Protein backbone atom coordinates (compact mmCIF):
# COMPACT_ATOMS: atom_id res chain seq x y z
CA MET A 1 0.00 0.00 0.00
CA LYS A 2 1.43 3.36 -1.01
CA ARG A 3 0.98 6.30 1.32
CA ARG A 4 1.75 9.98 1.49
CA VAL A 5 5.37 10.91 2.19
CA VAL A 6 6.39 14.11 3.97
CA LEU A 7 10.05 15.08 3.84
CA GLY A 8 11.32 16.82 6.96
CA ARG A 9 13.55 19.87 7.02
CA GLY A 10 17.27 19.27 6.80
CA GLY A 11 17.00 15.84 5.19
CA VAL A 12 19.82 14.75 2.88
CA LEU A 13 19.37 12.23 0.08
CA SER A 14 22.65 10.45 -0.62
CA LEU A 15 22.79 8.45 -3.86
CA ARG A 16 25.47 5.81 -4.32
CA LEU A 17 26.10 4.91 -7.95
CA ASP A 18 27.80 1.70 -9.05
CA PRO A 19 31.39 2.83 -9.81
CA ASP A 20 31.83 0.00 -12.34
CA ARG A 21 28.61 0.79 -14.24
CA PRO A 22 27.58 4.39 -13.56
CA PRO A 23 24.56 5.80 -15.41
CA ALA A 24 25.23 8.13 -18.32
CA ALA A 25 24.88 11.89 -17.99
CA GLY A 26 21.28 12.83 -18.73
CA ALA A 27 19.87 9.66 -17.14
CA THR A 28 16.92 9.96 -14.78
CA VAL A 29 16.87 7.77 -11.68
CA PRO A 30 13.51 7.16 -9.95
CA VAL A 31 13.90 7.61 -6.19
CA ILE A 32 10.44 8.03 -4.61
CA ASP A 33 7.13 6.94 -6.14
CA VAL A 34 4.13 7.70 -3.91
CA PRO A 35 0.55 8.97 -4.23
CA GLN A 36 1.52 12.26 -2.51
CA LEU A 37 4.90 13.83 -1.83
CA ARG A 38 5.28 16.94 0.30
CA GLY A 39 8.47 18.82 1.14
CA GLN A 40 11.98 18.70 -0.27
CA PHE A 41 15.37 17.41 0.72
CA TYR A 42 17.79 20.04 2.00
CA ARG A 43 20.45 18.56 -0.27
CA VAL A 44 20.77 15.73 -2.79
CA GLU A 45 24.28 14.35 -3.20
CA VAL A 46 25.89 11.68 -5.33
CA ASN A 47 29.20 9.78 -5.11
CA SER A 48 30.52 10.90 -8.49
CA ASP A 49 33.18 13.34 -9.62
CA ARG A 50 31.66 13.56 -13.13
CA LEU A 51 27.95 13.84 -12.32
CA ARG A 52 25.76 16.08 -10.20
CA THR A 53 22.11 15.68 -9.31
CA VAL A 54 19.07 17.72 -10.29
CA PRO A 55 16.03 16.68 -8.23
CA VAL A 56 12.70 16.87 -10.08
CA TYR A 57 10.02 17.16 -7.39
CA THR A 58 6.46 16.32 -8.40
CA ALA A 59 3.27 15.90 -6.39
CA ASP A 60 3.62 12.12 -6.64
CA GLY A 61 7.32 11.41 -6.48
CA LEU A 62 10.94 12.30 -6.96
CA PRO A 63 13.15 11.30 -9.85
CA VAL A 64 16.69 12.65 -9.94
CA ARG A 65 18.34 13.67 -13.19
CA LEU A 66 22.10 13.14 -13.44
CA VAL A 67 24.00 15.79 -15.38
CA LYS A 68 27.66 16.50 -16.08
CA ARG A 69 29.50 18.64 -13.53
């Protein structure tokens, strides 16, 4: 059963990519898929020197787009 998710203040989302098979720049990674999403992470970080994250908040989830640094 999916429920509403509320993100608290100061939360950090830390993504760990596979160093042997990292996604390509421009890829979108689904992170949260819920009926209702409220709030935002304070910071979204990723373990990559070549990629940075761009969170795409929607009312029903959070995918993260990976782009070149």
